[in-house]
Amino acid sequence: MAIEDAPKNASYPYNHKGYTKLRDSEGYPGVKPPWGTLNAIDLNTGEYLWKIALGDVPEFKRKGIHTGTDNYGGPVVTAGGLVIIAATKDSMIRAFNKRTGKLLWEFELPAPGFSTPAVYNIRGKQYLVIACGGGKLATKSSDAYVAFALPAEKKNN
């Protein structure tokens, strides 16, 4: 019997009431940073090629401390070698060099982009769009989509 077919007054031996995360007395994760990472792994060897903290907590960033944040959403990788991801609590979308993990670009979105960006091509021009829904992790909610046109690749003559 499916749950939706069960009598409304049925009791079940198990239920899920959400997640409880380990937090310190100030509300930060109760583990040592980084609190979120972006990793590149060589699928032939299983070895990490690079691993970086992904996202920032504003009060720590102002002090020059890069902590990473919880993140929900995946990256896209372009043919030109960019890893593009939003996913972080700090409302930023970022582009990294896929070989080195070096941050190449970031932009503040109207709310966190807890989603995977889409990359598409129209008449030879490449575009990127991200849904900025936010709402998780006590963040601002939004119904915005933000789109970017990627610069054309320089051709070597």
N, C-alpha and C. Protein backbone atom coordinates (compact mmCIF):
# COMPACT_ATOMS: atom_id res chain seq x y z
N MET A 1 0.84 -1.17 0.00
CA MET A 1 0.00 0.00 0.00
C MET A 1 0.89 1.24 0.00
N ALA A 2 0.58 2.18 -0.85
CA ALA A 2 1.31 3.44 -0.90
C ALA A 2 0.85 4.32 0.25
N ILE A 3 1.73 5.19 0.72
CA ILE A 3 1.40 6.08 1.84
C ILE A 3 0.17 6.91 1.53
N GLU A 4 0.03 7.39 0.29
CA GLU A 4 -1.13 8.22 -0.03
C GLU A 4 -2.43 7.44 0.03
N ASP A 5 -2.37 6.08 -0.03
CA ASP A 5 -3.56 5.24 0.06
C ASP A 5 -3.89 4.83 1.50
N ALA A 6 -3.00 5.14 2.42
CA ALA A 6 -3.20 4.73 3.82
C ALA A 6 -4.31 5.57 4.46
N PRO A 7 -4.99 5.00 5.43
CA PRO A 7 -6.00 5.78 6.16
C PRO A 7 -5.36 7.00 6.82
N LYS A 8 -6.09 8.10 6.87
CA LYS A 8 -5.56 9.35 7.41
C LYS A 8 -5.14 9.24 8.88
N ASN A 9 -5.71 8.33 9.63
CA ASN A 9 -5.37 8.20 11.05
C ASN A 9 -4.36 7.08 11.30
N ALA A 10 -3.74 6.57 10.23
CA ALA A 10 -2.77 5.48 10.39
C ALA A 10 -1.53 5.99 11.10
N SER A 11 -0.92 5.14 11.92
CA SER A 11 0.35 5.52 12.55
C SER A 11 1.44 4.65 11.96
N TYR A 12 2.61 5.21 11.86
CA TYR A 12 3.74 4.52 11.27
C TYR A 12 4.85 4.43 12.31
N PRO A 13 5.63 3.36 12.31
CA PRO A 13 6.67 3.23 13.32
C PRO A 13 7.83 4.20 13.13
N TYR A 14 7.97 4.77 11.93
CA TYR A 14 9.08 5.68 11.66
C TYR A 14 8.55 6.92 10.95
N ASN A 15 9.16 8.04 11.22
CA ASN A 15 8.86 9.25 10.45
C ASN A 15 10.08 10.15 10.45
N HIS A 16 10.10 11.07 9.51
CA HIS A 16 11.24 11.97 9.36
C HIS A 16 10.79 13.37 9.71
N LYS A 17 11.47 14.00 10.64
CA LYS A 17 11.11 15.34 11.08
C LYS A 17 12.18 16.37 10.72
N GLY A 18 13.02 16.05 9.74
CA GLY A 18 14.03 17.01 9.30
C GLY A 18 15.41 16.65 9.81
N TYR A 19 16.34 17.53 9.55
CA TYR A 19 17.73 17.31 9.91
C TYR A 19 18.13 18.23 11.05
N THR A 20 18.96 17.73 11.92
CA THR A 20 19.55 18.55 12.96
C THR A 20 21.04 18.58 12.70
N LYS A 21 21.57 19.76 12.43
CA LYS A 21 22.99 19.90 12.14
C LYS A 21 23.74 20.29 13.41
N LEU A 22 24.95 19.79 13.53
CA LEU A 22 25.80 20.13 14.66
C LEU A 22 26.28 21.57 14.49
N ARG A 23 25.94 22.43 15.43
CA ARG A 23 26.31 23.85 15.37
C ARG A 23 26.99 24.25 16.68
N ASP A 24 27.87 25.25 16.59
CA ASP A 24 28.50 25.77 17.80
C ASP A 24 27.57 26.79 18.45
N SER A 25 28.01 27.41 19.53
CA SER A 25 27.15 28.34 20.28
C SER A 25 26.81 29.60 19.49
N GLU A 26 27.56 29.90 18.40
CA GLU A 26 27.27 31.07 17.57
C GLU A 26 26.50 30.71 16.30
N GLY A 27 26.16 29.44 16.14
CA GLY A 27 25.37 29.00 15.00
C GLY A 27 26.18 28.54 13.80
N TYR A 28 27.51 28.54 13.91
CA TYR A 28 28.35 28.06 12.82
C TYR A 28 28.47 26.54 12.90
N PRO A 29 28.81 25.90 11.76
CA PRO A 29 28.98 24.44 11.81
C PRO A 29 29.96 24.04 12.91
N GLY A 30 29.64 22.94 13.59
CA GLY A 30 30.43 22.48 14.73
C GLY A 30 31.64 21.65 14.33
N VAL A 31 32.16 21.87 13.14
CA VAL A 31 33.36 21.19 12.67
C VAL A 31 34.32 22.24 12.11
N LYS A 32 35.58 21.87 12.00
CA LYS A 32 36.60 22.76 11.47
C LYS A 32 36.35 23.04 9.98
N PRO A 33 36.48 24.31 9.53
CA PRO A 33 36.34 24.60 8.10
C PRO A 33 37.41 23.88 7.28
N PRO A 34 37.19 23.67 6.00
CA PRO A 34 36.14 24.27 5.19
C PRO A 34 34.79 23.59 5.38
N TRP A 35 33.74 24.42 5.32
CA TRP A 35 32.38 23.94 5.51
C TRP A 35 31.71 23.57 4.19
N GLY A 36 32.41 23.75 3.11
CA GLY A 36 31.95 23.34 1.78
C GLY A 36 33.14 23.39 0.84
N THR A 37 33.23 22.42 -0.05
CA THR A 37 34.37 22.38 -0.98
C THR A 37 33.91 22.08 -2.40
N LEU A 38 34.77 22.42 -3.34
CA LEU A 38 34.64 22.03 -4.73
C LEU A 38 35.89 21.24 -5.04
N ASN A 39 35.72 20.05 -5.61
CA ASN A 39 36.84 19.13 -5.81
C ASN A 39 36.92 18.69 -7.26
N ALA A 40 38.14 18.52 -7.75
CA ALA A 40 38.36 17.91 -9.06
C ALA A 40 39.10 16.61 -8.81
N ILE A 41 38.57 15.53 -9.35
CA ILE A 41 39.13 14.20 -9.13
C ILE A 41 39.48 13.57 -10.48
N ASP A 42 40.68 13.00 -10.57
CA ASP A 42 41.08 12.26 -11.75
C ASP A 42 40.32 10.93 -11.73
N LEU A 43 39.41 10.74 -12.66
CA LEU A 43 38.58 9.53 -12.66
C LEU A 43 39.35 8.28 -13.04
N ASN A 44 40.54 8.42 -13.58
CA ASN A 44 41.37 7.25 -13.88
C ASN A 44 42.09 6.73 -12.64
N THR A 45 42.47 7.65 -11.74
CA THR A 45 43.26 7.25 -10.57
C THR A 45 42.51 7.38 -9.25
N GLY A 46 41.45 8.21 -9.24
CA GLY A 46 40.74 8.48 -8.00
C GLY A 46 41.43 9.53 -7.14
N GLU A 47 42.51 10.10 -7.62
CA GLU A 47 43.26 11.11 -6.87
C GLU A 47 42.65 12.50 -7.06
N TYR A 48 42.74 13.32 -6.00
CA TYR A 48 42.31 14.71 -6.10
C TYR A 48 43.30 15.47 -6.97
N LEU A 49 42.78 16.23 -7.94
CA LEU A 49 43.62 17.13 -8.72
C LEU A 49 43.71 18.47 -8.01
N TRP A 50 42.60 18.89 -7.42
CA TRP A 50 42.56 20.08 -6.57
C TRP A 50 41.31 20.04 -5.72
N LYS A 51 41.35 20.78 -4.62
CA LYS A 51 40.24 20.86 -3.67
C LYS A 51 40.28 22.26 -3.07
N ILE A 52 39.17 23.01 -3.19
CA ILE A 52 39.13 24.37 -2.67
C ILE A 52 37.89 24.58 -1.80
N ALA A 53 37.97 25.52 -0.87
CA ALA A 53 36.79 25.92 -0.10
C ALA A 53 35.84 26.64 -1.06
N LEU A 54 34.55 26.30 -1.01
CA LEU A 54 33.56 26.90 -1.89
C LEU A 54 32.55 27.70 -1.07
N GLY A 55 32.52 29.00 -1.29
CA GLY A 55 31.60 29.89 -0.60
C GLY A 55 32.29 30.60 0.57
N ASP A 56 31.64 31.65 1.02
CA ASP A 56 32.18 32.45 2.12
C ASP A 56 31.10 32.84 3.10
N VAL A 57 31.46 32.92 4.36
CA VAL A 57 30.62 33.51 5.41
C VAL A 57 31.06 34.96 5.51
N PRO A 58 30.16 35.93 5.26
CA PRO A 58 30.58 37.34 5.16
C PRO A 58 31.44 37.85 6.33
N GLU A 59 31.06 37.52 7.56
CA GLU A 59 31.83 38.05 8.69
C GLU A 59 33.25 37.49 8.76
N PHE A 60 33.45 36.28 8.25
CA PHE A 60 34.80 35.72 8.20
C PHE A 60 35.56 36.25 6.97
N LYS A 61 34.86 36.40 5.86
CA LYS A 61 35.50 36.91 4.64
C LYS A 61 36.07 38.30 4.89
N ARG A 62 35.34 39.16 5.63
CA ARG A 62 35.84 40.50 5.95
C ARG A 62 37.15 40.45 6.72
N LYS A 63 37.38 39.36 7.43
CA LYS A 63 38.63 39.17 8.19
C LYS A 63 39.68 38.41 7.38
N GLY A 64 39.37 38.13 6.11
CA GLY A 64 40.31 37.41 5.26
C GLY A 64 40.32 35.91 5.46
N ILE A 65 39.27 35.37 6.09
CA ILE A 65 39.18 33.93 6.34
C ILE A 65 38.19 33.31 5.36
N HIS A 66 38.66 32.35 4.58
CA HIS A 66 37.85 31.68 3.56
C HIS A 66 37.38 30.34 4.12
N THR A 67 36.09 30.23 4.46
CA THR A 67 35.57 29.05 5.17
C THR A 67 34.87 28.02 4.30
N GLY A 68 34.32 28.45 3.15
CA GLY A 68 33.39 27.60 2.43
C GLY A 68 32.04 27.64 3.15
N THR A 69 30.98 27.19 2.48
CA THR A 69 29.65 27.14 3.08
C THR A 69 28.95 25.86 2.65
N ASP A 70 27.83 25.56 3.33
CA ASP A 70 26.96 24.49 2.83
C ASP A 70 26.67 24.83 1.38
N ASN A 71 26.53 23.83 0.54
CA ASN A 71 26.16 24.12 -0.85
C ASN A 71 25.24 23.04 -1.40
N TYR A 72 24.30 23.50 -2.21
CA TYR A 72 23.29 22.64 -2.82
C TYR A 72 23.18 23.02 -4.29
N GLY A 73 23.58 22.14 -5.16
CA GLY A 73 23.55 22.39 -6.60
C GLY A 73 24.88 21.99 -7.18
N GLY A 74 24.87 21.64 -8.43
CA GLY A 74 26.09 21.16 -9.06
C GLY A 74 26.71 22.16 -10.00
N PRO A 75 27.90 21.83 -10.50
CA PRO A 75 28.57 22.69 -11.47
C PRO A 75 28.27 22.27 -12.90
N VAL A 76 28.59 23.13 -13.83
CA VAL A 76 28.67 22.77 -15.24
C VAL A 76 30.11 23.03 -15.65
N VAL A 77 30.56 22.28 -16.65
CA VAL A 77 31.90 22.46 -17.18
C VAL A 77 31.77 22.77 -18.65
N THR A 78 32.37 23.87 -19.09
CA THR A 78 32.28 24.26 -20.49
C THR A 78 33.39 23.62 -21.30
N ALA A 79 33.20 23.58 -22.61
CA ALA A 79 34.22 23.04 -23.50
C ALA A 79 35.50 23.87 -23.43
N GLY A 80 35.37 25.14 -23.06
CA GLY A 80 36.52 26.02 -22.94
C GLY A 80 37.28 25.89 -21.63
N GLY A 81 36.84 24.98 -20.75
CA GLY A 81 37.60 24.73 -19.53
C GLY A 81 37.17 25.49 -18.30
N LEU A 82 35.94 25.99 -18.27
CA LEU A 82 35.42 26.66 -17.07
C LEU A 82 34.56 25.71 -16.26
N VAL A 83 34.70 25.76 -14.95
CA VAL A 83 33.78 25.10 -14.03
C VAL A 83 32.95 26.22 -13.43
N ILE A 84 31.64 26.19 -13.67
CA ILE A 84 30.75 27.26 -13.21
C ILE A 84 29.78 26.68 -12.20
N ILE A 85 29.71 27.33 -11.04
CA ILE A 85 28.85 26.83 -9.96
C ILE A 85 28.35 28.01 -9.13
N ALA A 86 27.11 27.90 -8.66
CA ALA A 86 26.55 28.85 -7.69
C ALA A 86 26.48 28.06 -6.38
N ALA A 87 25.37 27.41 -6.08
CA ALA A 87 25.22 26.41 -5.01
C ALA A 87 25.47 26.88 -3.59
N THR A 88 26.10 28.03 -3.37
CA THR A 88 26.52 28.42 -2.03
C THR A 88 25.55 29.37 -1.34
N LYS A 89 25.59 29.36 -0.05
CA LYS A 89 24.74 30.19 0.80
C LYS A 89 24.99 31.68 0.61
N ASP A 90 26.16 32.06 0.11
CA ASP A 90 26.54 33.47 -0.01
C ASP A 90 26.04 34.17 -1.28
N SER A 91 25.20 33.53 -2.05
CA SER A 91 24.56 34.11 -3.25
C SER A 91 25.52 34.42 -4.39
N MET A 92 26.68 33.81 -4.42
CA MET A 92 27.64 34.08 -5.49
C MET A 92 27.60 32.96 -6.54
N ILE A 93 27.83 33.35 -7.79
CA ILE A 93 28.10 32.38 -8.84
C ILE A 93 29.56 32.59 -9.22
N ARG A 94 30.27 31.49 -9.45
CA ARG A 94 31.71 31.58 -9.68
C ARG A 94 32.11 30.73 -10.88
N ALA A 95 33.20 31.15 -11.52
CA ALA A 95 33.81 30.37 -12.60
C ALA A 95 35.26 30.08 -12.19
N PHE A 96 35.66 28.83 -12.34
CA PHE A 96 37.00 28.37 -11.99
C PHE A 96 37.67 27.75 -13.21
N ASN A 97 39.00 27.78 -13.21
CA ASN A 97 39.77 27.05 -14.21
C ASN A 97 39.66 25.57 -13.88
N LYS A 98 39.21 24.75 -14.84
CA LYS A 98 38.98 23.34 -14.52
C LYS A 98 40.27 22.57 -14.25
N ARG A 99 41.39 23.03 -14.74
CA ARG A 99 42.66 22.32 -14.53
C ARG A 99 43.32 22.66 -13.20
N THR A 100 43.13 23.92 -12.74
CA THR A 100 43.86 24.38 -11.55
C THR A 100 42.97 24.71 -10.35
N GLY A 101 41.68 24.96 -10.59
CA GLY A 101 40.79 25.39 -9.51
C GLY A 101 40.88 26.87 -9.21
N LYS A 102 41.66 27.61 -10.00
CA LYS A 102 41.81 29.05 -9.77
C LYS A 102 40.49 29.77 -10.06
N LEU A 103 40.09 30.64 -9.12
CA LEU A 103 38.89 31.46 -9.31
C LEU A 103 39.15 32.48 -10.41
N LEU A 104 38.30 32.49 -11.43
CA LEU A 104 38.46 33.41 -12.56
C LEU A 104 37.45 34.54 -12.55
N TRP A 105 36.27 34.30 -11.96
CA TRP A 105 35.18 35.28 -12.01
C TRP A 105 34.16 34.93 -10.94
N GLU A 106 33.53 35.97 -10.36
CA GLU A 106 32.39 35.75 -9.47
C GLU A 106 31.43 36.91 -9.59
N PHE A 107 30.15 36.63 -9.28
CA PHE A 107 29.10 37.63 -9.40
C PHE A 107 28.06 37.36 -8.33
N GLU A 108 27.59 38.42 -7.66
CA GLU A 108 26.56 38.25 -6.62
C GLU A 108 25.18 38.18 -7.26
N LEU A 109 24.46 37.11 -6.96
CA LEU A 109 23.11 36.89 -7.46
C LEU A 109 22.08 37.52 -6.52
N PRO A 110 20.82 37.70 -6.95
CA PRO A 110 19.80 38.28 -6.07
C PRO A 110 19.44 37.38 -4.89
N ALA A 111 19.72 36.09 -4.99
CA ALA A 111 19.50 35.12 -3.91
C ALA A 111 20.38 33.91 -4.25
N PRO A 112 20.61 33.03 -3.30
CA PRO A 112 21.45 31.87 -3.61
C PRO A 112 20.92 31.06 -4.79
N GLY A 113 21.84 30.61 -5.61
CA GLY A 113 21.50 29.75 -6.75
C GLY A 113 21.69 28.30 -6.35
N PHE A 114 20.78 27.78 -5.54
CA PHE A 114 20.86 26.38 -5.11
C PHE A 114 20.35 25.49 -6.24
N SER A 115 20.99 25.59 -7.39
CA SER A 115 20.61 24.83 -8.57
C SER A 115 21.83 24.71 -9.47
N THR A 116 21.76 23.85 -10.44
CA THR A 116 22.86 23.69 -11.38
C THR A 116 22.64 24.64 -12.55
N PRO A 117 23.64 25.45 -12.91
CA PRO A 117 23.48 26.36 -14.04
C PRO A 117 23.28 25.60 -15.35
N ALA A 118 22.71 26.29 -16.31
CA ALA A 118 22.56 25.74 -17.66
C ALA A 118 23.42 26.57 -18.61
N VAL A 119 24.11 25.90 -19.50
CA VAL A 119 24.92 26.56 -20.52
C VAL A 119 24.35 26.14 -21.88
N TYR A 120 24.15 27.10 -22.76
CA TYR A 120 23.60 26.78 -24.07
C TYR A 120 24.19 27.71 -25.12
N ASN A 121 23.99 27.36 -26.38
CA ASN A 121 24.59 28.08 -27.49
C ASN A 121 23.49 28.47 -28.46
N ILE A 122 23.49 29.75 -28.87
CA ILE A 122 22.56 30.23 -29.89
C ILE A 122 23.39 30.94 -30.94
N ARG A 123 23.34 30.42 -32.16
CA ARG A 123 24.07 31.01 -33.30
C ARG A 123 25.53 31.28 -32.97
N GLY A 124 26.16 30.34 -32.29
CA GLY A 124 27.60 30.46 -32.01
C GLY A 124 27.94 31.26 -30.76
N LYS A 125 26.95 31.84 -30.10
CA LYS A 125 27.18 32.61 -28.88
C LYS A 125 26.77 31.75 -27.69
N GLN A 126 27.65 31.66 -26.68
CA GLN A 126 27.38 30.80 -25.52
C GLN A 126 26.77 31.63 -24.38
N TYR A 127 25.75 31.05 -23.73
CA TYR A 127 25.04 31.70 -22.64
C TYR A 127 25.02 30.80 -21.41
N LEU A 128 24.81 31.44 -20.28
CA LEU A 128 24.72 30.76 -18.99
C LEU A 128 23.50 31.32 -18.28
N VAL A 129 22.67 30.44 -17.68
CA VAL A 129 21.52 30.90 -16.90
C VAL A 129 21.46 30.10 -15.61
N ILE A 130 21.04 30.77 -14.54
CA ILE A 130 20.93 30.13 -13.22
C ILE A 130 19.62 30.57 -12.57
N ALA A 131 18.92 29.62 -11.96
CA ALA A 131 17.73 29.93 -11.17
C ALA A 131 18.19 30.30 -9.76
N CYS A 132 17.75 31.45 -9.28
CA CYS A 132 18.16 31.96 -7.97
C CYS A 132 16.99 31.87 -7.01
N GLY A 133 16.70 30.67 -6.55
CA GLY A 133 15.54 30.46 -5.69
C GLY A 133 15.80 30.72 -4.23
N GLY A 134 17.03 30.45 -3.77
CA GLY A 134 17.37 30.64 -2.36
C GLY A 134 16.42 29.88 -1.47
N GLY A 135 16.16 30.42 -0.28
CA GLY A 135 15.19 29.85 0.65
C GLY A 135 15.73 28.82 1.60
N LYS A 136 16.73 28.04 1.20
CA LYS A 136 17.32 27.05 2.11
C LYS A 136 18.28 27.75 3.05
N LEU A 137 18.57 27.10 4.16
CA LEU A 137 19.61 27.57 5.09
C LEU A 137 19.35 28.99 5.58
N ALA A 138 18.10 29.35 5.75
CA ALA A 138 17.69 30.67 6.25
C ALA A 138 18.18 31.79 5.34
N THR A 139 18.17 31.56 4.03
CA THR A 139 18.58 32.59 3.07
C THR A 139 17.37 33.23 2.42
N LYS A 140 17.59 34.35 1.76
CA LYS A 140 16.56 35.06 1.03
C LYS A 140 15.97 34.17 -0.05
N SER A 141 14.66 34.22 -0.23
CA SER A 141 13.99 33.51 -1.32
C SER A 141 13.82 34.44 -2.51
N SER A 142 13.76 33.87 -3.70
CA SER A 142 13.61 34.67 -4.91
C SER A 142 12.98 33.81 -6.00
N ASP A 143 12.49 34.47 -7.03
CA ASP A 143 11.98 33.75 -8.21
C ASP A 143 12.74 34.20 -9.46
N ALA A 144 13.95 34.71 -9.27
CA ALA A 144 14.73 35.28 -10.37
C ALA A 144 15.53 34.23 -11.13
N TYR A 145 15.66 34.46 -12.41
CA TYR A 145 16.61 33.77 -13.26
C TYR A 145 17.60 34.83 -13.73
N VAL A 146 18.89 34.51 -13.69
CA VAL A 146 19.91 35.45 -14.15
C VAL A 146 20.66 34.78 -15.30
N ALA A 147 20.80 35.53 -16.40
CA ALA A 147 21.49 35.01 -17.58
C ALA A 147 22.70 35.86 -17.89
N PHE A 148 23.73 35.20 -18.41
CA PHE A 148 24.97 35.85 -18.80
C PHE A 148 25.33 35.39 -20.21
N ALA A 149 25.97 36.27 -20.98
CA ALA A 149 26.56 35.88 -22.26
C ALA A 149 28.05 35.69 -21.99
N LEU A 150 28.57 34.53 -22.36
CA LEU A 150 29.98 34.26 -22.16
C LEU A 150 30.80 34.92 -23.26
N PRO A 151 31.98 35.44 -22.92
CA PRO A 151 32.80 36.06 -23.96
C PRO A 151 33.22 35.03 -25.00
N ALA A 152 33.36 35.49 -26.22
CA ALA A 152 33.79 34.60 -27.30
C ALA A 152 35.23 34.17 -27.05
N GLU A 153 35.53 32.92 -27.41
CA GLU A 153 36.91 32.43 -27.27
C GLU A 153 37.79 33.13 -28.30
N LYS A 154 38.99 33.50 -27.87
CA LYS A 154 39.93 34.12 -28.80
C LYS A 154 40.54 33.03 -29.67
N LYS A 155 40.58 33.30 -30.96
CA LYS A 155 41.14 32.35 -31.91
C LYS A 155 42.59 32.74 -32.20
N ASN A 156 43.48 31.78 -32.17
CA ASN A 156 44.88 32.03 -32.51
C ASN A 156 45.04 31.96 -34.02
N ASN A 157 45.61 33.00 -34.59
CA ASN A 157 45.82 33.02 -36.05
C ASN A 157 47.21 32.57 -36.39
